[in-house]
């Protein structure tokens, strides 16, 4: 059980990290597009 919770915590952290990465990438892309036009 303890190990399972540990794994789940890691998954949650990874997911949040991924989400924020995607979000920042989208923001950067938007900035870049805005600069182009």
C-alpha atoms as a PDB file:
ATOM      1  CA  UNK A   1       0.000   0.000   0.000  1.00  0.00           C
ATOM      2  CA  UNK A   2       2.744   2.440   0.947  1.00  0.00           C
ATOM      3  CA  UNK A   3       4.601   1.707  -2.261  1.00  0.00           C
ATOM      4  CA  UNK A   4       1.425   2.165  -4.289  1.00  0.00           C
ATOM      5  CA  UNK A   5       0.827   5.594  -2.763  1.00  0.00           C
ATOM      6  CA  UNK A   6       4.446   6.520  -3.496  1.00  0.00           C
ATOM      7  CA  UNK A   7       4.015   5.540  -7.142  1.00  0.00           C
ATOM      8  CA  UNK A   8       0.795   7.499  -7.400  1.00  0.00           C
ATOM      9  CA  UNK A   9       2.489  10.590  -5.972  1.00  0.00           C
ATOM     10  CA  UNK A  10       5.223  10.295  -8.573  1.00  0.00           C
ATOM     11  CA  UNK A  11       2.624   9.969 -11.331  1.00  0.00           C
ATOM     12  CA  UNK A  12       0.793  13.056 -10.086  1.00  0.00           C
ATOM     13  CA  UNK A  13       4.002  15.068  -9.952  1.00  0.00           C
ATOM     14  CA  UNK A  14       5.044  13.955 -13.424  1.00  0.00           C
ATOM     15  CA  UNK A  15       1.616  14.820 -14.782  1.00  0.00           C
ATOM     16  CA  UNK A  16       1.636  18.300 -13.246  1.00  0.00           C
ATOM     17  CA  UNK A  17       5.131  18.877 -14.588  1.00  0.00           C
ATOM     18  CA  UNK A  18       4.021  17.759 -18.052  1.00  0.00           C
ATOM     19  CA  UNK A  19       0.944  19.987 -17.906  1.00  0.00           C
ATOM     20  CA  UNK A  20       2.954  23.064 -16.967  1.00  0.00           C
ATOM     21  CA  UNK A  21       5.488  22.284 -19.683  1.00  0.00           C
ATOM     22  CA  UNK A  22       2.758  22.035 -22.303  1.00  0.00           C
ATOM     23  CA  UNK A  23       1.166  25.236 -21.029  1.00  0.00           C
ATOM     24  CA  UNK A  24       4.432  27.194 -21.186  1.00  0.00           C
ATOM     25  CA  UNK A  25       5.122  25.824 -24.663  1.00  0.00           C
ATOM     26  CA  UNK A  26       1.702  26.990 -25.832  1.00  0.00           C
ATOM     27  CA  UNK A  27       2.319  30.431 -24.314  1.00  0.00           C
ATOM     28  CA  UNK A  28       5.702  30.667 -26.015  1.00  0.00           C
ATOM     29  CA  UNK A  29       4.225  29.618 -29.343  1.00  0.00           C
ATOM     30  CA  UNK A  30       1.506  32.242 -29.003  1.00  0.00           C
ATOM     31  CA  UNK A  31       4.081  34.944 -28.254  1.00  0.00           C
ATOM     32  CA  UNK A  32       6.122  33.857 -31.237  1.00  0.00           C
ATOM     33  CA  UNK A  33       3.087  33.938 -33.524  1.00  0.00           C
ATOM     34  CA  UNK A  34       2.119  37.373 -32.252  1.00  0.00           C
ATOM     35  CA  UNK A  35       5.614  38.640 -32.949  1.00  0.00           C
ATOM     36  CA  UNK A  36       5.558  37.309 -36.509  1.00  0.00           C
ATOM     37  CA  UNK A  37       2.475  39.250 -37.539  1.00  0.00           C
END
